[in-house]
């Protein structure tokens, strides 16, 4: 028997309890016959002012990740999307691969992660994309992990802007104007712009910026959702969210 609403597939989605961007952005991009079933990593909205407090937030996320995964597995999703990104970049390509292996061993089905999705998205644009401008909501300790990951993937991070958001919930308060300005700031001598941090509501802004800049502008929520669809076998072209979902 097939789920009556998720006739093409049920996606389990994991995101921190403080995150208010993943759910609406994924819903806006959702094709017919796919349903989303959200499970929250319950974490406090603690103040983040420096590397030490950022690491306390990371410890909260790590402690909540697998309980949230176990919870969503009770609805027997066909595929799982990890709608949080900092941990997926930690310890470079090897750390990312180890995390995915652990998640898939527990889930016993495919899991899409932001780090791998960004790498797949960049590869989709071909060998002409080598130099990156990167935007994060993180403190410097998180920025270094993102820089390391993309460097190990063979890209040159030319410009990186960390917005140093003051709490996990406040990441979503960054305005479209601020995100536009961040794109402009890192768009110097680069082939593509990449944004990480799933609570930055960048999907719509990235699609608009891509049109004007005439280069890839990759929002992590768009990339991760695209990657999940394609890995699961959904090839629908979705319009209004940039070239990744329209052309690849």
C-alpha atoms as a PDB file:
ATOM      1  CA  UNK A   1       0.000   0.000   0.000  1.00  0.00           C
ATOM      2  CA  UNK A   2       1.183   3.541  -0.816  1.00  0.00           C
ATOM      3  CA  UNK A   3       0.739   6.497   1.531  1.00  0.00           C
ATOM      4  CA  UNK A   4      -2.415   8.263   0.305  1.00  0.00           C
ATOM      5  CA  UNK A   5      -0.852  11.735   0.270  1.00  0.00           C
ATOM      6  CA  UNK A   6       2.794  10.830  -0.310  1.00  0.00           C
ATOM      7  CA  UNK A   7       2.101   8.813  -3.423  1.00  0.00           C
ATOM      8  CA  UNK A   8       5.591   9.421  -4.803  1.00  0.00           C
ATOM      9  CA  UNK A   9       7.425   9.473  -1.503  1.00  0.00           C
ATOM     10  CA  UNK A  10       7.569  10.530   2.138  1.00  0.00           C
ATOM     11  CA  UNK A  11      10.555  12.616   3.184  1.00  0.00           C
ATOM     12  CA  UNK A  12      11.565  12.746   6.823  1.00  0.00           C
ATOM     13  CA  UNK A  13      13.083  16.162   7.558  1.00  0.00           C
ATOM     14  CA  UNK A  14      15.326  16.888  10.537  1.00  0.00           C
ATOM     15  CA  UNK A  15      15.893  20.481  11.670  1.00  0.00           C
ATOM     16  CA  UNK A  16      16.677  22.206  14.961  1.00  0.00           C
ATOM     17  CA  UNK A  17      13.682  23.326  17.017  1.00  0.00           C
ATOM     18  CA  UNK A  18      14.956  26.913  16.631  1.00  0.00           C
ATOM     19  CA  UNK A  19      14.860  26.717  12.826  1.00  0.00           C
ATOM     20  CA  UNK A  20      11.981  28.516  11.103  1.00  0.00           C
ATOM     21  CA  UNK A  21      13.333  28.569   7.526  1.00  0.00           C
ATOM     22  CA  UNK A  22      13.758  24.933   6.472  1.00  0.00           C
ATOM     23  CA  UNK A  23      10.109  23.944   6.775  1.00  0.00           C
ATOM     24  CA  UNK A  24       8.555  26.804   4.744  1.00  0.00           C
ATOM     25  CA  UNK A  25      11.296  26.770   2.095  1.00  0.00           C
ATOM     26  CA  UNK A  26      11.059  23.014   1.545  1.00  0.00           C
ATOM     27  CA  UNK A  27       7.265  23.218   1.404  1.00  0.00           C
ATOM     28  CA  UNK A  28       7.459  25.954  -1.224  1.00  0.00           C
ATOM     29  CA  UNK A  29       9.686  23.754  -3.413  1.00  0.00           C
ATOM     30  CA  UNK A  30       7.776  20.511  -2.866  1.00  0.00           C
ATOM     31  CA  UNK A  31       6.618  18.722  -6.030  1.00  0.00           C
ATOM     32  CA  UNK A  32       3.308  16.896  -6.297  1.00  0.00           C
ATOM     33  CA  UNK A  33       3.122  13.581  -4.491  1.00  0.00           C
ATOM     34  CA  UNK A  34       6.010  14.197  -2.070  1.00  0.00           C
ATOM     35  CA  UNK A  35       5.171  14.831   1.588  1.00  0.00           C
ATOM     36  CA  UNK A  36       7.383  16.163   4.382  1.00  0.00           C
ATOM     37  CA  UNK A  37       7.409  14.840   7.916  1.00  0.00           C
ATOM     38  CA  UNK A  38       9.384  17.026  10.294  1.00  0.00           C
ATOM     39  CA  UNK A  39      11.242  15.961  13.394  1.00  0.00           C
ATOM     40  CA  UNK A  40      12.970  18.563  15.529  1.00  0.00           C
ATOM     41  CA  UNK A  41      16.356  18.508  17.189  1.00  0.00           C
ATOM     42  CA  UNK A  42      15.253  20.076  20.468  1.00  0.00           C
ATOM     43  CA  UNK A  43      17.869  22.652  21.464  1.00  0.00           C
ATOM     44  CA  UNK A  44      17.763  25.863  23.521  1.00  0.00           C
ATOM     45  CA  UNK A  45      17.939  29.242  21.826  1.00  0.00           C
ATOM     46  CA  UNK A  46      21.161  30.073  23.623  1.00  0.00           C
ATOM     47  CA  UNK A  47      23.155  33.243  23.020  1.00  0.00           C
ATOM     48  CA  UNK A  48      26.010  32.825  20.563  1.00  0.00           C
ATOM     49  CA  UNK A  49      28.638  35.520  20.930  1.00  0.00           C
ATOM     50  CA  UNK A  50      31.976  33.777  20.328  1.00  0.00           C
ATOM     51  CA  UNK A  51      33.566  30.458  19.415  1.00  0.00           C
ATOM     52  CA  UNK A  52      32.984  28.959  22.868  1.00  0.00           C
ATOM     53  CA  UNK A  53      29.244  29.633  22.849  1.00  0.00           C
ATOM     54  CA  UNK A  54      29.050  28.442  19.249  1.00  0.00           C
ATOM     55  CA  UNK A  55      30.545  25.132  20.354  1.00  0.00           C
ATOM     56  CA  UNK A  56      27.977  24.851  23.154  1.00  0.00           C
ATOM     57  CA  UNK A  57      25.302  25.158  20.473  1.00  0.00           C
ATOM     58  CA  UNK A  58      27.058  22.481  18.428  1.00  0.00           C
ATOM     59  CA  UNK A  59      27.113  20.154  21.439  1.00  0.00           C
ATOM     60  CA  UNK A  60      23.356  20.694  21.851  1.00  0.00           C
ATOM     61  CA  UNK A  61      22.807  19.831  18.187  1.00  0.00           C
ATOM     62  CA  UNK A  62      24.958  16.710  18.362  1.00  0.00           C
ATOM     63  CA  UNK A  63      23.090  15.460  21.400  1.00  0.00           C
ATOM     64  CA  UNK A  64      19.704  15.972  19.741  1.00  0.00           C
ATOM     65  CA  UNK A  65      20.447  14.652  16.252  1.00  0.00           C
ATOM     66  CA  UNK A  66      19.979  10.919  16.607  1.00  0.00           C
ATOM     67  CA  UNK A  67      16.915  11.128  18.904  1.00  0.00           C
ATOM     68  CA  UNK A  68      15.257  13.295  16.238  1.00  0.00           C
ATOM     69  CA  UNK A  69      16.194  10.771  13.564  1.00  0.00           C
ATOM     70  CA  UNK A  70      14.798   7.884  15.597  1.00  0.00           C
ATOM     71  CA  UNK A  71      11.551   9.828  16.055  1.00  0.00           C
ATOM     72  CA  UNK A  72      10.974  10.494  12.359  1.00  0.00           C
ATOM     73  CA  UNK A  73      11.760   6.897  11.433  1.00  0.00           C
ATOM     74  CA  UNK A  74       8.552   5.815  13.167  1.00  0.00           C
ATOM     75  CA  UNK A  75       6.551   7.167  10.191  1.00  0.00           C
ATOM     76  CA  UNK A  76       8.718   5.036   7.871  1.00  0.00           C
ATOM     77  CA  UNK A  77       9.868   7.773   5.492  1.00  0.00           C
ATOM     78  CA  UNK A  78      11.271   6.779   2.127  1.00  0.00           C
ATOM     79  CA  UNK A  79      14.143   9.239   2.401  1.00  0.00           C
ATOM     80  CA  UNK A  80      15.605  11.540   5.058  1.00  0.00           C
ATOM     81  CA  UNK A  81      16.843  15.116   4.674  1.00  0.00           C
ATOM     82  CA  UNK A  82      19.117  16.697   7.246  1.00  0.00           C
ATOM     83  CA  UNK A  83      17.908  20.298   7.415  1.00  0.00           C
ATOM     84  CA  UNK A  84      20.817  21.561   9.513  1.00  0.00           C
ATOM     85  CA  UNK A  85      24.261  22.128   8.125  1.00  0.00           C
ATOM     86  CA  UNK A  86      27.084  23.095  10.488  1.00  0.00           C
ATOM     87  CA  UNK A  87      27.732  19.548  11.681  1.00  0.00           C
ATOM     88  CA  UNK A  88      27.805  18.238   8.100  1.00  0.00           C
ATOM     89  CA  UNK A  89      30.880  20.373   7.307  1.00  0.00           C
ATOM     90  CA  UNK A  90      32.775  19.461  10.480  1.00  0.00           C
ATOM     91  CA  UNK A  91      36.197  17.837  10.109  1.00  0.00           C
ATOM     92  CA  UNK A  92      36.234  18.229   6.342  1.00  0.00           C
ATOM     93  CA  UNK A  93      35.296  15.674   3.716  1.00  0.00           C
ATOM     94  CA  UNK A  94      36.212  12.734   5.960  1.00  0.00           C
ATOM     95  CA  UNK A  95      34.087  14.011   8.838  1.00  0.00           C
ATOM     96  CA  UNK A  96      31.168  14.589   6.479  1.00  0.00           C
ATOM     97  CA  UNK A  97      31.447  11.073   5.060  1.00  0.00           C
ATOM     98  CA  UNK A  98      31.598   9.535   8.529  1.00  0.00           C
ATOM     99  CA  UNK A  99      28.490  11.428   9.638  1.00  0.00           C
ATOM    100  CA  UNK A 100      26.554  10.321   6.566  1.00  0.00           C
ATOM    101  CA  UNK A 101      27.596   6.723   7.149  1.00  0.00           C
ATOM    102  CA  UNK A 102      26.381   6.859  10.757  1.00  0.00           C
ATOM    103  CA  UNK A 103      23.079   8.467   9.766  1.00  0.00           C
ATOM    104  CA  UNK A 104      22.393   5.988   6.980  1.00  0.00           C
ATOM    105  CA  UNK A 105      23.319   3.043   9.194  1.00  0.00           C
ATOM    106  CA  UNK A 106      20.663   4.155  11.684  1.00  0.00           C
ATOM    107  CA  UNK A 107      18.110   5.274   9.087  1.00  0.00           C
ATOM    108  CA  UNK A 108      18.556   2.226   6.825  1.00  0.00           C
ATOM    109  CA  UNK A 109      17.669   4.469   3.880  1.00  0.00           C
ATOM    110  CA  UNK A 110      19.163   7.408   2.013  1.00  0.00           C
ATOM    111  CA  UNK A 111      20.031  10.625   3.843  1.00  0.00           C
ATOM    112  CA  UNK A 112      20.718  13.977   2.114  1.00  0.00           C
ATOM    113  CA  UNK A 113      23.135  16.299   3.936  1.00  0.00           C
ATOM    114  CA  UNK A 114      23.942  19.930   3.224  1.00  0.00           C
ATOM    115  CA  UNK A 115      27.682  19.492   2.751  1.00  0.00           C
ATOM    116  CA  UNK A 116      27.353  16.711   0.204  1.00  0.00           C
ATOM    117  CA  UNK A 117      24.478  18.539  -1.486  1.00  0.00           C
ATOM    118  CA  UNK A 118      26.566  21.691  -1.948  1.00  0.00           C
ATOM    119  CA  UNK A 119      29.403  19.647  -3.423  1.00  0.00           C
ATOM    120  CA  UNK A 120      26.976  17.895  -5.805  1.00  0.00           C
ATOM    121  CA  UNK A 121      25.425  21.226  -6.791  1.00  0.00           C
ATOM    122  CA  UNK A 122      28.823  22.747  -7.573  1.00  0.00           C
ATOM    123  CA  UNK A 123      29.763  19.707  -9.632  1.00  0.00           C
ATOM    124  CA  UNK A 124      26.514  20.056 -11.583  1.00  0.00           C
ATOM    125  CA  UNK A 125      27.765  23.400 -12.893  1.00  0.00           C
ATOM    126  CA  UNK A 126      30.942  21.831 -14.237  1.00  0.00           C
ATOM    127  CA  UNK A 127      34.643  22.550 -14.195  1.00  0.00           C
ATOM    128  CA  UNK A 128      34.261  26.277 -14.867  1.00  0.00           C
ATOM    129  CA  UNK A 129      33.287  26.784 -11.213  1.00  0.00           C
ATOM    130  CA  UNK A 130      36.434  26.767  -9.085  1.00  0.00           C
ATOM    131  CA  UNK A 131      36.476  30.010  -7.071  1.00  0.00           C
ATOM    132  CA  UNK A 132      33.823  30.511  -4.401  1.00  0.00           C
ATOM    133  CA  UNK A 133      32.310  33.277  -2.336  1.00  0.00           C
ATOM    134  CA  UNK A 134      30.753  31.771   0.787  1.00  0.00           C
ATOM    135  CA  UNK A 135      28.193  33.151   3.261  1.00  0.00           C
ATOM    136  CA  UNK A 136      27.535  31.619   6.693  1.00  0.00           C
ATOM    137  CA  UNK A 137      25.649  32.633   9.853  1.00  0.00           C
ATOM    138  CA  UNK A 138      28.472  31.211  11.989  1.00  0.00           C
ATOM    139  CA  UNK A 139      31.240  32.310  14.285  1.00  0.00           C
ATOM    140  CA  UNK A 140      34.855  31.959  13.056  1.00  0.00           C
ATOM    141  CA  UNK A 141      35.231  28.407  14.377  1.00  0.00           C
ATOM    142  CA  UNK A 142      32.340  27.306  12.172  1.00  0.00           C
ATOM    143  CA  UNK A 143      33.592  29.342   9.215  1.00  0.00           C
ATOM    144  CA  UNK A 144      36.911  27.518   9.359  1.00  0.00           C
ATOM    145  CA  UNK A 145      35.152  24.170   9.063  1.00  0.00           C
ATOM    146  CA  UNK A 146      33.203  25.327   6.014  1.00  0.00           C
ATOM    147  CA  UNK A 147      36.373  26.724   4.432  1.00  0.00           C
ATOM    148  CA  UNK A 148      38.157  23.434   5.078  1.00  0.00           C
ATOM    149  CA  UNK A 149      35.390  21.351   3.520  1.00  0.00           C
ATOM    150  CA  UNK A 150      35.200  23.290   0.267  1.00  0.00           C
ATOM    151  CA  UNK A 151      38.982  23.458   0.022  1.00  0.00           C
ATOM    152  CA  UNK A 152      39.231  19.691   0.437  1.00  0.00           C
ATOM    153  CA  UNK A 153      36.627  19.347  -2.311  1.00  0.00           C
ATOM    154  CA  UNK A 154      39.030  21.156  -4.634  1.00  0.00           C
ATOM    155  CA  UNK A 155      37.559  24.662  -4.604  1.00  0.00           C
ATOM    156  CA  UNK A 156      39.246  27.931  -3.741  1.00  0.00           C
ATOM    157  CA  UNK A 157      37.342  29.932  -1.150  1.00  0.00           C
ATOM    158  CA  UNK A 158      38.175  33.462  -2.273  1.00  0.00           C
ATOM    159  CA  UNK A 159      35.786  35.321   0.041  1.00  0.00           C
ATOM    160  CA  UNK A 160      33.969  34.102   3.151  1.00  0.00           C
ATOM    161  CA  UNK A 161      31.548  36.202   5.174  1.00  0.00           C
ATOM    162  CA  UNK A 162      30.384  34.937   8.578  1.00  0.00           C
ATOM    163  CA  UNK A 163      27.355  36.890   9.806  1.00  0.00           C
ATOM    164  CA  UNK A 164      27.967  35.895  13.456  1.00  0.00           C
ATOM    165  CA  UNK A 165      24.274  35.558  14.270  1.00  0.00           C
ATOM    166  CA  UNK A 166      23.577  35.996  17.970  1.00  0.00           C
ATOM    167  CA  UNK A 167      21.495  32.842  18.536  1.00  0.00           C
ATOM    168  CA  UNK A 168      20.272  29.888  16.454  1.00  0.00           C
ATOM    169  CA  UNK A 169      16.756  31.335  16.272  1.00  0.00           C
ATOM    170  CA  UNK A 170      17.978  34.815  15.341  1.00  0.00           C
ATOM    171  CA  UNK A 171      19.645  33.458  12.195  1.00  0.00           C
ATOM    172  CA  UNK A 172      16.202  33.571  10.593  1.00  0.00           C
ATOM    173  CA  UNK A 173      15.912  37.301  11.396  1.00  0.00           C
ATOM    174  CA  UNK A 174      18.524  38.246   8.806  1.00  0.00           C
ATOM    175  CA  UNK A 175      16.553  40.265   6.249  1.00  0.00           C
ATOM    176  CA  UNK A 176      16.448  39.791   2.503  1.00  0.00           C
ATOM    177  CA  UNK A 177      18.286  43.087   2.208  1.00  0.00           C
ATOM    178  CA  UNK A 178      21.086  41.860   4.486  1.00  0.00           C
ATOM    179  CA  UNK A 179      21.363  38.626   2.532  1.00  0.00           C
ATOM    180  CA  UNK A 180      21.440  40.587  -0.734  1.00  0.00           C
ATOM    181  CA  UNK A 181      24.254  42.737   0.627  1.00  0.00           C
ATOM    182  CA  UNK A 182      26.145  39.633   1.761  1.00  0.00           C
ATOM    183  CA  UNK A 183      25.979  38.179  -1.742  1.00  0.00           C
ATOM    184  CA  UNK A 184      27.287  41.442  -3.182  1.00  0.00           C
ATOM    185  CA  UNK A 185      30.110  41.472  -0.620  1.00  0.00           C
ATOM    186  CA  UNK A 186      31.428  37.988  -1.457  1.00  0.00           C
ATOM    187  CA  UNK A 187      30.851  38.299  -5.219  1.00  0.00           C
ATOM    188  CA  UNK A 188      34.346  39.527  -6.030  1.00  0.00           C
ATOM    189  CA  UNK A 189      36.480  37.420  -8.351  1.00  0.00           C
ATOM    190  CA  UNK A 190      34.401  34.271  -7.895  1.00  0.00           C
ATOM    191  CA  UNK A 191      32.664  31.795 -10.186  1.00  0.00           C
ATOM    192  CA  UNK A 192      29.827  31.012  -7.778  1.00  0.00           C
ATOM    193  CA  UNK A 193      28.366  32.069  -4.451  1.00  0.00           C
ATOM    194  CA  UNK A 194      27.416  29.441  -1.846  1.00  0.00           C
ATOM    195  CA  UNK A 195      25.368  30.085   1.301  1.00  0.00           C
ATOM    196  CA  UNK A 196      25.339  27.633   4.207  1.00  0.00           C
ATOM    197  CA  UNK A 197      23.366  27.646   7.458  1.00  0.00           C
ATOM    198  CA  UNK A 198      19.835  26.332   6.943  1.00  0.00           C
ATOM    199  CA  UNK A 199      18.058  28.953   9.061  1.00  0.00           C
ATOM    200  CA  UNK A 200      19.129  31.751   6.714  1.00  0.00           C
ATOM    201  CA  UNK A 201      16.100  32.187   4.428  1.00  0.00           C
ATOM    202  CA  UNK A 202      18.188  32.499   1.278  1.00  0.00           C
ATOM    203  CA  UNK A 203      16.351  30.387  -1.327  1.00  0.00           C
ATOM    204  CA  UNK A 204      14.331  33.196  -2.883  1.00  0.00           C
ATOM    205  CA  UNK A 205      17.114  35.781  -2.614  1.00  0.00           C
ATOM    206  CA  UNK A 206      19.635  33.392  -4.199  1.00  0.00           C
ATOM    207  CA  UNK A 207      17.383  32.771  -7.197  1.00  0.00           C
ATOM    208  CA  UNK A 208      16.972  36.509  -7.757  1.00  0.00           C
ATOM    209  CA  UNK A 209      20.690  37.166  -7.337  1.00  0.00           C
ATOM    210  CA  UNK A 210      21.580  34.400  -9.764  1.00  0.00           C
ATOM    211  CA  UNK A 211      19.488  36.049 -12.464  1.00  0.00           C
ATOM    212  CA  UNK A 212      21.193  39.421 -12.038  1.00  0.00           C
ATOM    213  CA  UNK A 213      24.744  38.147 -11.486  1.00  0.00           C
ATOM    214  CA  UNK A 214      24.556  35.536 -14.255  1.00  0.00           C
ATOM    215  CA  UNK A 215      26.408  32.940 -12.180  1.00  0.00           C
ATOM    216  CA  UNK A 216      25.398  30.169  -9.761  1.00  0.00           C
ATOM    217  CA  UNK A 217      24.178  31.380  -6.371  1.00  0.00           C
ATOM    218  CA  UNK A 218      23.563  28.272  -4.300  1.00  0.00           C
ATOM    219  CA  UNK A 219      21.364  28.433  -1.206  1.00  0.00           C
ATOM    220  CA  UNK A 220      21.889  25.397   0.994  1.00  0.00           C
ATOM    221  CA  UNK A 221      18.182  24.671   1.458  1.00  0.00           C
ATOM    222  CA  UNK A 222      17.677  24.675  -2.308  1.00  0.00           C
ATOM    223  CA  UNK A 223      20.754  22.507  -2.843  1.00  0.00           C
ATOM    224  CA  UNK A 224      19.831  19.987  -0.152  1.00  0.00           C
ATOM    225  CA  UNK A 225      16.242  19.668  -1.330  1.00  0.00           C
ATOM    226  CA  UNK A 226      17.381  19.330  -4.960  1.00  0.00           C
ATOM    227  CA  UNK A 227      19.905  16.679  -3.936  1.00  0.00           C
ATOM    228  CA  UNK A 228      17.288  14.733  -1.996  1.00  0.00           C
ATOM    229  CA  UNK A 229      14.874  14.746  -4.923  1.00  0.00           C
ATOM    230  CA  UNK A 230      17.485  13.666  -7.441  1.00  0.00           C
ATOM    231  CA  UNK A 231      18.989  10.985  -5.184  1.00  0.00           C
ATOM    232  CA  UNK A 232      15.521   9.619  -4.552  1.00  0.00           C
ATOM    233  CA  UNK A 233      14.774   9.577  -8.287  1.00  0.00           C
ATOM    234  CA  UNK A 234      12.470  12.588  -8.668  1.00  0.00           C
ATOM    235  CA  UNK A 235      13.641  14.465 -11.789  1.00  0.00           C
ATOM    236  CA  UNK A 236      10.939  17.176 -11.905  1.00  0.00           C
ATOM    237  CA  UNK A 237      12.113  20.612 -13.050  1.00  0.00           C
ATOM    238  CA  UNK A 238      10.908  23.166 -10.511  1.00  0.00           C
ATOM    239  CA  UNK A 239      10.760  26.819 -11.523  1.00  0.00           C
ATOM    240  CA  UNK A 240      11.276  30.002  -9.542  1.00  0.00           C
ATOM    241  CA  UNK A 241      14.085  28.680  -7.307  1.00  0.00           C
ATOM    242  CA  UNK A 242      17.079  29.138  -9.566  1.00  0.00           C
ATOM    243  CA  UNK A 243      18.963  27.177 -12.193  1.00  0.00           C
ATOM    244  CA  UNK A 244      19.747  24.157  -9.999  1.00  0.00           C
ATOM    245  CA  UNK A 245      16.136  22.990  -9.790  1.00  0.00           C
ATOM    246  CA  UNK A 246      15.294  24.254 -13.266  1.00  0.00           C
ATOM    247  CA  UNK A 247      18.184  22.774 -15.251  1.00  0.00           C
ATOM    248  CA  UNK A 248      19.931  19.998 -13.297  1.00  0.00           C
END
